[in-house]
Amino acid sequence: MVPDINYWAVILATLSSMIVGSVWYTPRVFGKYWMKAAGVTPSGNASDAVRPILITVVVSFITAWVLAGAADISWSFYDGSFFWNAVVTTIILWAGFTAARFITHDAFDGRPAGLTVLNVAHEFVTLVIMAIIIGVWPPA
């Protein structure tokens, strides 16, 4: 079975990821804490952000695409509401893969627990917003 995917929803979900990250890590929200806890010192050169932003766009697209496919497979299996299948599937995938892996890697890297919580929470918000967008626009 090849999942049906609404690519417009995937593109919008990708853009939402960029918006959430831009707000989440701005200095007025969590950016100052994140930079301090992660040991990041801004260079002041805007061009230094181009590569990480491009990588984030590609990875966010892949994430949205996988979530859309997983939501469609879940919907085909469980039936019911496409929206709720997208949201619940996303939360399960976040807990089992994203949160679990962040916690494991950060524990071995010796990162501060607060940084782990901040990043895991960011991923949760990002993915749930992606799921909402994907869930609102099911495949045709």
N, C-alpha and C. Protein backbone atom coordinates (compact mmCIF):
# COMPACT_ATOMS: atom_id res chain seq x y z
N MET A 1 0.84 -1.18 0.00
CA MET A 1 0.00 0.00 0.00
C MET A 1 0.88 1.25 0.00
N VAL A 2 0.60 2.12 -0.91
CA VAL A 2 1.30 3.40 -0.96
C VAL A 2 0.34 4.45 -0.38
N PRO A 3 0.76 5.15 0.67
CA PRO A 3 -0.14 6.13 1.28
C PRO A 3 -0.45 7.29 0.34
N ASP A 4 -1.68 7.78 0.45
CA ASP A 4 -2.06 8.99 -0.28
C ASP A 4 -1.62 10.19 0.55
N ILE A 5 -0.99 11.14 -0.10
CA ILE A 5 -0.45 12.30 0.61
C ILE A 5 -0.92 13.58 -0.08
N ASN A 6 -1.41 14.51 0.71
CA ASN A 6 -1.76 15.83 0.21
C ASN A 6 -0.49 16.69 0.32
N TYR A 7 0.15 16.92 -0.82
CA TYR A 7 1.43 17.64 -0.80
C TYR A 7 1.28 19.12 -0.45
N TRP A 8 0.11 19.69 -0.68
CA TRP A 8 -0.11 21.07 -0.24
C TRP A 8 -0.07 21.14 1.28
N ALA A 9 -0.67 20.14 1.94
CA ALA A 9 -0.63 20.09 3.41
C ALA A 9 0.79 19.89 3.88
N VAL A 10 1.56 19.06 3.18
CA VAL A 10 2.96 18.82 3.54
C VAL A 10 3.77 20.10 3.43
N ILE A 11 3.55 20.86 2.38
CA ILE A 11 4.28 22.13 2.20
C ILE A 11 3.90 23.12 3.30
N LEU A 12 2.61 23.23 3.59
CA LEU A 12 2.17 24.13 4.67
C LEU A 12 2.73 23.67 6.02
N ALA A 13 2.76 22.37 6.26
CA ALA A 13 3.31 21.84 7.51
C ALA A 13 4.80 22.14 7.60
N THR A 14 5.50 22.06 6.47
CA THR A 14 6.92 22.40 6.43
C THR A 14 7.12 23.87 6.81
N LEU A 15 6.31 24.73 6.23
CA LEU A 15 6.41 26.16 6.55
C LEU A 15 6.07 26.42 8.02
N SER A 16 5.10 25.69 8.54
CA SER A 16 4.74 25.88 9.96
C SER A 16 5.91 25.55 10.87
N SER A 17 6.68 24.55 10.49
CA SER A 17 7.86 24.17 11.27
C SER A 17 8.85 25.32 11.34
N MET A 18 9.02 26.02 10.24
CA MET A 18 9.94 27.15 10.21
C MET A 18 9.43 28.29 11.08
N ILE A 19 8.12 28.50 11.05
CA ILE A 19 7.53 29.57 11.86
C ILE A 19 7.65 29.24 13.34
N VAL A 20 7.32 28.01 13.72
CA VAL A 20 7.41 27.62 15.13
C VAL A 20 8.85 27.77 15.62
N GLY A 21 9.80 27.27 14.86
CA GLY A 21 11.20 27.38 15.25
C GLY A 21 11.68 28.81 15.37
N SER A 22 11.22 29.65 14.45
CA SER A 22 11.61 31.06 14.48
C SER A 22 11.09 31.77 15.73
N VAL A 23 9.88 31.42 16.13
CA VAL A 23 9.30 32.02 17.34
C VAL A 23 9.92 31.39 18.59
N TRP A 24 9.99 30.07 18.64
CA TRP A 24 10.45 29.33 19.82
C TRP A 24 11.85 29.75 20.24
N TYR A 25 12.74 29.85 19.25
CA TYR A 25 14.15 30.12 19.56
C TYR A 25 14.54 31.59 19.42
N THR A 26 13.56 32.48 19.32
CA THR A 26 13.88 33.90 19.32
C THR A 26 14.35 34.28 20.74
N PRO A 27 15.25 35.24 20.87
CA PRO A 27 15.74 35.61 22.20
C PRO A 27 14.64 36.00 23.19
N ARG A 28 13.54 36.54 22.71
CA ARG A 28 12.46 36.96 23.61
C ARG A 28 11.64 35.78 24.13
N VAL A 29 11.75 34.63 23.50
CA VAL A 29 11.00 33.47 23.96
C VAL A 29 11.98 32.54 24.68
N PHE A 30 12.60 31.60 23.97
CA PHE A 30 13.53 30.67 24.62
C PHE A 30 14.95 30.76 24.08
N GLY A 31 15.18 31.68 23.16
CA GLY A 31 16.47 31.77 22.49
C GLY A 31 17.66 32.03 23.40
N LYS A 32 17.51 32.95 24.35
CA LYS A 32 18.63 33.26 25.26
C LYS A 32 18.99 32.04 26.09
N TYR A 33 17.98 31.37 26.64
CA TYR A 33 18.24 30.17 27.44
C TYR A 33 18.87 29.09 26.57
N TRP A 34 18.32 28.87 25.36
CA TRP A 34 18.83 27.83 24.48
C TRP A 34 20.30 28.09 24.14
N MET A 35 20.65 29.33 23.77
CA MET A 35 22.04 29.64 23.43
C MET A 35 22.97 29.37 24.60
N LYS A 36 22.56 29.78 25.80
CA LYS A 36 23.39 29.57 26.98
C LYS A 36 23.53 28.08 27.29
N ALA A 37 22.40 27.36 27.32
CA ALA A 37 22.43 25.94 27.69
C ALA A 37 23.14 25.09 26.64
N ALA A 38 23.01 25.46 25.37
CA ALA A 38 23.63 24.69 24.29
C ALA A 38 25.05 25.15 23.99
N GLY A 39 25.47 26.25 24.61
CA GLY A 39 26.81 26.76 24.36
C GLY A 39 26.96 27.36 22.97
N VAL A 40 25.90 27.98 22.48
CA VAL A 40 25.90 28.59 21.15
C VAL A 40 26.19 30.07 21.29
N THR A 41 27.15 30.54 20.52
CA THR A 41 27.46 31.96 20.49
C THR A 41 27.19 32.45 19.07
N PRO A 42 26.22 33.36 18.92
CA PRO A 42 25.94 33.85 17.57
C PRO A 42 27.14 34.60 17.00
N SER A 43 27.41 34.35 15.72
CA SER A 43 28.54 35.00 15.08
C SER A 43 28.22 36.45 14.71
N GLY A 44 26.93 36.76 14.60
CA GLY A 44 26.53 38.09 14.16
C GLY A 44 26.47 38.20 12.65
N ASN A 45 26.90 37.15 11.96
CA ASN A 45 26.89 37.12 10.51
C ASN A 45 25.68 36.32 10.04
N ALA A 46 24.71 36.98 9.43
CA ALA A 46 23.46 36.33 9.00
C ALA A 46 23.71 35.19 8.03
N SER A 47 24.77 35.28 7.25
CA SER A 47 25.03 34.22 6.26
C SER A 47 25.38 32.89 6.93
N ASP A 48 25.80 32.92 8.20
CA ASP A 48 26.10 31.68 8.92
C ASP A 48 24.85 30.85 9.17
N ALA A 49 23.68 31.47 9.10
CA ALA A 49 22.43 30.77 9.36
C ALA A 49 21.85 30.11 8.10
N VAL A 50 22.38 30.43 6.93
CA VAL A 50 21.80 29.93 5.68
C VAL A 50 21.82 28.41 5.62
N ARG A 51 22.97 27.81 5.87
CA ARG A 51 23.08 26.34 5.78
C ARG A 51 22.15 25.64 6.76
N PRO A 52 22.16 26.00 8.06
CA PRO A 52 21.23 25.34 8.98
C PRO A 52 19.77 25.54 8.61
N ILE A 53 19.44 26.70 8.08
CA ILE A 53 18.04 26.94 7.68
C ILE A 53 17.67 26.05 6.50
N LEU A 54 18.54 25.93 5.51
CA LEU A 54 18.27 25.07 4.36
C LEU A 54 18.12 23.61 4.79
N ILE A 55 18.98 23.18 5.69
CA ILE A 55 18.89 21.81 6.21
C ILE A 55 17.56 21.63 6.93
N THR A 56 17.16 22.62 7.71
CA THR A 56 15.90 22.55 8.45
C THR A 56 14.71 22.45 7.51
N VAL A 57 14.73 23.20 6.41
CA VAL A 57 13.63 23.14 5.44
C VAL A 57 13.52 21.72 4.86
N VAL A 58 14.64 21.16 4.46
CA VAL A 58 14.63 19.81 3.87
C VAL A 58 14.15 18.78 4.89
N VAL A 59 14.70 18.83 6.09
CA VAL A 59 14.33 17.87 7.13
C VAL A 59 12.87 18.05 7.54
N SER A 60 12.42 19.28 7.61
CA SER A 60 11.02 19.54 7.96
C SER A 60 10.07 19.01 6.88
N PHE A 61 10.46 19.14 5.63
CA PHE A 61 9.65 18.58 4.54
C PHE A 61 9.58 17.06 4.68
N ILE A 62 10.71 16.43 4.91
CA ILE A 62 10.72 14.97 5.08
C ILE A 62 9.85 14.56 6.26
N THR A 63 9.95 15.27 7.36
CA THR A 63 9.14 14.98 8.54
C THR A 63 7.65 15.11 8.23
N ALA A 64 7.26 16.20 7.58
CA ALA A 64 5.86 16.41 7.24
C ALA A 64 5.37 15.33 6.28
N TRP A 65 6.19 14.94 5.34
CA TRP A 65 5.84 13.90 4.37
C TRP A 65 5.64 12.56 5.07
N VAL A 66 6.55 12.21 5.97
CA VAL A 66 6.41 10.96 6.73
C VAL A 66 5.17 11.01 7.61
N LEU A 67 4.92 12.14 8.28
CA LEU A 67 3.72 12.25 9.11
C LEU A 67 2.45 12.11 8.28
N ALA A 68 2.43 12.71 7.11
CA ALA A 68 1.25 12.59 6.24
C ALA A 68 1.04 11.14 5.80
N GLY A 69 2.12 10.47 5.46
CA GLY A 69 2.02 9.06 5.08
C GLY A 69 1.60 8.19 6.24
N ALA A 70 2.17 8.42 7.41
CA ALA A 70 1.80 7.65 8.61
C ALA A 70 0.35 7.89 8.99
N ALA A 71 -0.10 9.13 8.85
CA ALA A 71 -1.50 9.45 9.17
C ALA A 71 -2.44 8.72 8.21
N ASP A 72 -2.09 8.67 6.94
CA ASP A 72 -2.93 7.97 5.98
C ASP A 72 -2.97 6.47 6.25
N ILE A 73 -1.82 5.89 6.59
CA ILE A 73 -1.78 4.47 6.92
C ILE A 73 -2.60 4.20 8.17
N SER A 74 -2.45 5.05 9.18
CA SER A 74 -3.21 4.91 10.42
C SER A 74 -4.71 5.01 10.14
N TRP A 75 -5.07 5.97 9.33
CA TRP A 75 -6.48 6.18 8.98
C TRP A 75 -7.05 4.97 8.25
N SER A 76 -6.25 4.40 7.33
CA SER A 76 -6.68 3.21 6.59
C SER A 76 -6.88 2.02 7.53
N PHE A 77 -6.04 1.94 8.55
CA PHE A 77 -6.10 0.81 9.48
C PHE A 77 -7.20 0.98 10.52
N TYR A 78 -7.26 2.15 11.15
CA TYR A 78 -8.19 2.38 12.25
C TYR A 78 -9.52 2.97 11.81
N ASP A 79 -9.54 3.60 10.62
CA ASP A 79 -10.74 4.27 10.12
C ASP A 79 -11.03 5.48 11.00
N GLY A 80 -12.23 5.96 11.06
CA GLY A 80 -12.57 7.11 11.89
C GLY A 80 -12.14 8.43 11.26
N SER A 81 -11.81 9.37 12.11
CA SER A 81 -11.46 10.72 11.70
C SER A 81 -10.00 10.79 11.22
N PHE A 82 -9.80 11.32 10.01
CA PHE A 82 -8.44 11.50 9.51
C PHE A 82 -7.69 12.47 10.41
N PHE A 83 -8.38 13.53 10.84
CA PHE A 83 -7.75 14.53 11.69
C PHE A 83 -7.19 13.89 12.96
N TRP A 84 -8.02 13.14 13.68
CA TRP A 84 -7.57 12.55 14.94
C TRP A 84 -6.54 11.45 14.74
N ASN A 85 -6.63 10.72 13.63
CA ASN A 85 -5.58 9.75 13.33
C ASN A 85 -4.25 10.45 13.12
N ALA A 86 -4.27 11.59 12.44
CA ALA A 86 -3.03 12.35 12.21
C ALA A 86 -2.44 12.83 13.52
N VAL A 87 -3.28 13.39 14.40
CA VAL A 87 -2.78 13.94 15.67
C VAL A 87 -2.28 12.83 16.59
N VAL A 88 -3.06 11.79 16.78
CA VAL A 88 -2.67 10.71 17.70
C VAL A 88 -1.44 9.98 17.17
N THR A 89 -1.40 9.69 15.88
CA THR A 89 -0.23 9.03 15.30
C THR A 89 1.02 9.87 15.50
N THR A 90 0.89 11.17 15.31
CA THR A 90 2.03 12.08 15.48
C THR A 90 2.52 12.07 16.92
N ILE A 91 1.62 12.12 17.88
CA ILE A 91 2.03 12.13 19.29
C ILE A 91 2.73 10.82 19.64
N ILE A 92 2.22 9.70 19.13
CA ILE A 92 2.86 8.40 19.40
C ILE A 92 4.26 8.37 18.78
N LEU A 93 4.37 8.83 17.54
CA LEU A 93 5.69 8.85 16.89
C LEU A 93 6.65 9.79 17.60
N TRP A 94 6.15 10.95 18.04
CA TRP A 94 6.98 11.89 18.80
C TRP A 94 7.52 11.23 20.07
N ALA A 95 6.63 10.59 20.83
CA ALA A 95 7.04 9.97 22.09
C ALA A 95 8.03 8.83 21.87
N GLY A 96 7.73 7.99 20.89
CA GLY A 96 8.55 6.80 20.67
C GLY A 96 9.85 7.03 19.96
N PHE A 97 9.91 8.05 19.14
CA PHE A 97 11.12 8.30 18.37
C PHE A 97 11.79 9.61 18.75
N THR A 98 11.11 10.71 18.59
CA THR A 98 11.73 12.01 18.83
C THR A 98 12.12 12.19 20.30
N ALA A 99 11.15 12.14 21.20
CA ALA A 99 11.44 12.39 22.61
C ALA A 99 12.40 11.35 23.17
N ALA A 100 12.13 10.09 22.87
CA ALA A 100 12.98 9.02 23.41
C ALA A 100 14.42 9.17 22.94
N ARG A 101 14.62 9.49 21.67
CA ARG A 101 15.98 9.62 21.14
C ARG A 101 16.68 10.87 21.67
N PHE A 102 15.95 11.98 21.76
CA PHE A 102 16.53 13.20 22.33
C PHE A 102 17.02 12.93 23.74
N ILE A 103 16.17 12.34 24.55
CA ILE A 103 16.50 12.08 25.95
C ILE A 103 17.73 11.19 26.05
N THR A 104 17.78 10.13 25.24
CA THR A 104 18.92 9.22 25.26
C THR A 104 20.20 9.93 24.84
N HIS A 105 20.17 10.60 23.71
CA HIS A 105 21.39 11.27 23.22
C HIS A 105 21.83 12.39 24.15
N ASP A 106 20.89 13.17 24.65
CA ASP A 106 21.27 14.26 25.55
C ASP A 106 21.84 13.74 26.86
N ALA A 107 21.34 12.61 27.33
CA ALA A 107 21.88 12.02 28.56
C ALA A 107 23.34 11.62 28.35
N PHE A 108 23.64 10.99 27.23
CA PHE A 108 25.02 10.57 26.95
C PHE A 108 25.91 11.76 26.62
N ASP A 109 25.34 12.80 26.02
CA ASP A 109 26.12 14.01 25.70
C ASP A 109 26.32 14.90 26.91
N GLY A 110 25.62 14.59 28.00
CA GLY A 110 25.75 15.40 29.22
C GLY A 110 25.09 16.76 29.10
N ARG A 111 24.09 16.87 28.26
CA ARG A 111 23.40 18.16 28.11
C ARG A 111 22.51 18.42 29.32
N PRO A 112 22.31 19.67 29.64
CA PRO A 112 21.44 20.01 30.76
C PRO A 112 20.01 19.51 30.52
N ALA A 113 19.38 19.02 31.59
CA ALA A 113 18.01 18.51 31.47
C ALA A 113 17.06 19.58 30.94
N GLY A 114 17.27 20.83 31.34
CA GLY A 114 16.42 21.91 30.86
C GLY A 114 16.50 22.09 29.35
N LEU A 115 17.68 21.89 28.79
CA LEU A 115 17.85 21.99 27.34
C LEU A 115 17.11 20.85 26.65
N THR A 116 17.20 19.67 27.23
CA THR A 116 16.48 18.52 26.67
C THR A 116 14.98 18.78 26.69
N VAL A 117 14.46 19.25 27.80
CA VAL A 117 13.03 19.54 27.92
C VAL A 117 12.63 20.61 26.90
N LEU A 118 13.43 21.65 26.78
CA LEU A 118 13.14 22.73 25.83
C LEU A 118 13.06 22.19 24.40
N ASN A 119 14.03 21.40 24.00
CA ASN A 119 14.07 20.90 22.63
C ASN A 119 12.99 19.85 22.37
N VAL A 120 12.74 18.99 23.34
CA VAL A 120 11.69 17.98 23.19
C VAL A 120 10.32 18.66 23.11
N ALA A 121 10.11 19.68 23.92
CA ALA A 121 8.85 20.43 23.89
C ALA A 121 8.69 21.15 22.55
N HIS A 122 9.78 21.71 22.04
CA HIS A 122 9.74 22.35 20.73
C HIS A 122 9.32 21.36 19.66
N GLU A 123 9.90 20.18 19.69
CA GLU A 123 9.54 19.17 18.70
C GLU A 123 8.08 18.74 18.85
N PHE A 124 7.60 18.65 20.07
CA PHE A 124 6.20 18.29 20.30
C PHE A 124 5.27 19.33 19.67
N VAL A 125 5.52 20.60 19.97
CA VAL A 125 4.68 21.67 19.43
C VAL A 125 4.77 21.69 17.90
N THR A 126 5.97 21.59 17.36
CA THR A 126 6.16 21.59 15.92
C THR A 126 5.39 20.46 15.26
N LEU A 127 5.54 19.25 15.80
CA LEU A 127 4.90 18.09 15.19
C LEU A 127 3.38 18.12 15.33
N VAL A 128 2.89 18.57 16.47
CA VAL A 128 1.43 18.63 16.63
C VAL A 128 0.83 19.67 15.67
N ILE A 129 1.49 20.79 15.49
CA ILE A 129 0.99 21.78 14.53
C ILE A 129 1.05 21.20 13.11
N MET A 130 2.11 20.49 12.79
CA MET A 130 2.17 19.81 11.49
C MET A 130 1.00 18.84 11.34
N ALA A 131 0.74 18.06 12.39
CA ALA A 131 -0.34 17.07 12.35
C ALA A 131 -1.70 17.74 12.16
N ILE A 132 -1.89 18.86 12.82
CA ILE A 132 -3.16 19.59 12.68
C ILE A 132 -3.34 20.04 11.22
N ILE A 133 -2.29 20.59 10.64
CA ILE A 133 -2.37 21.04 9.25
C ILE A 133 -2.63 19.86 8.33
N ILE A 134 -1.89 18.78 8.50
CA ILE A 134 -2.08 17.58 7.68
C ILE A 134 -3.46 16.99 7.90
N GLY A 135 -3.90 16.99 9.16
CA GLY A 135 -5.21 16.41 9.49
C GLY A 135 -6.38 17.19 8.94
N VAL A 136 -6.23 18.50 8.81
CA VAL A 136 -7.29 19.34 8.28
C VAL A 136 -7.44 19.16 6.77
N TRP A 137 -6.35 18.83 6.09
CA TRP A 137 -6.37 18.63 4.64
C TRP A 137 -5.98 17.21 4.28
N PRO A 138 -6.92 16.27 4.46
CA PRO A 138 -6.60 14.87 4.11
C PRO A 138 -6.37 14.72 2.62
N PRO A 139 -5.75 13.61 2.23
CA PRO A 139 -5.53 13.39 0.80
C PRO A 139 -6.87 13.29 0.05
N ALA A 140 -6.85 13.71 -1.20
CA ALA A 140 -8.09 13.70 -2.00
C ALA A 140 -8.47 12.29 -2.42
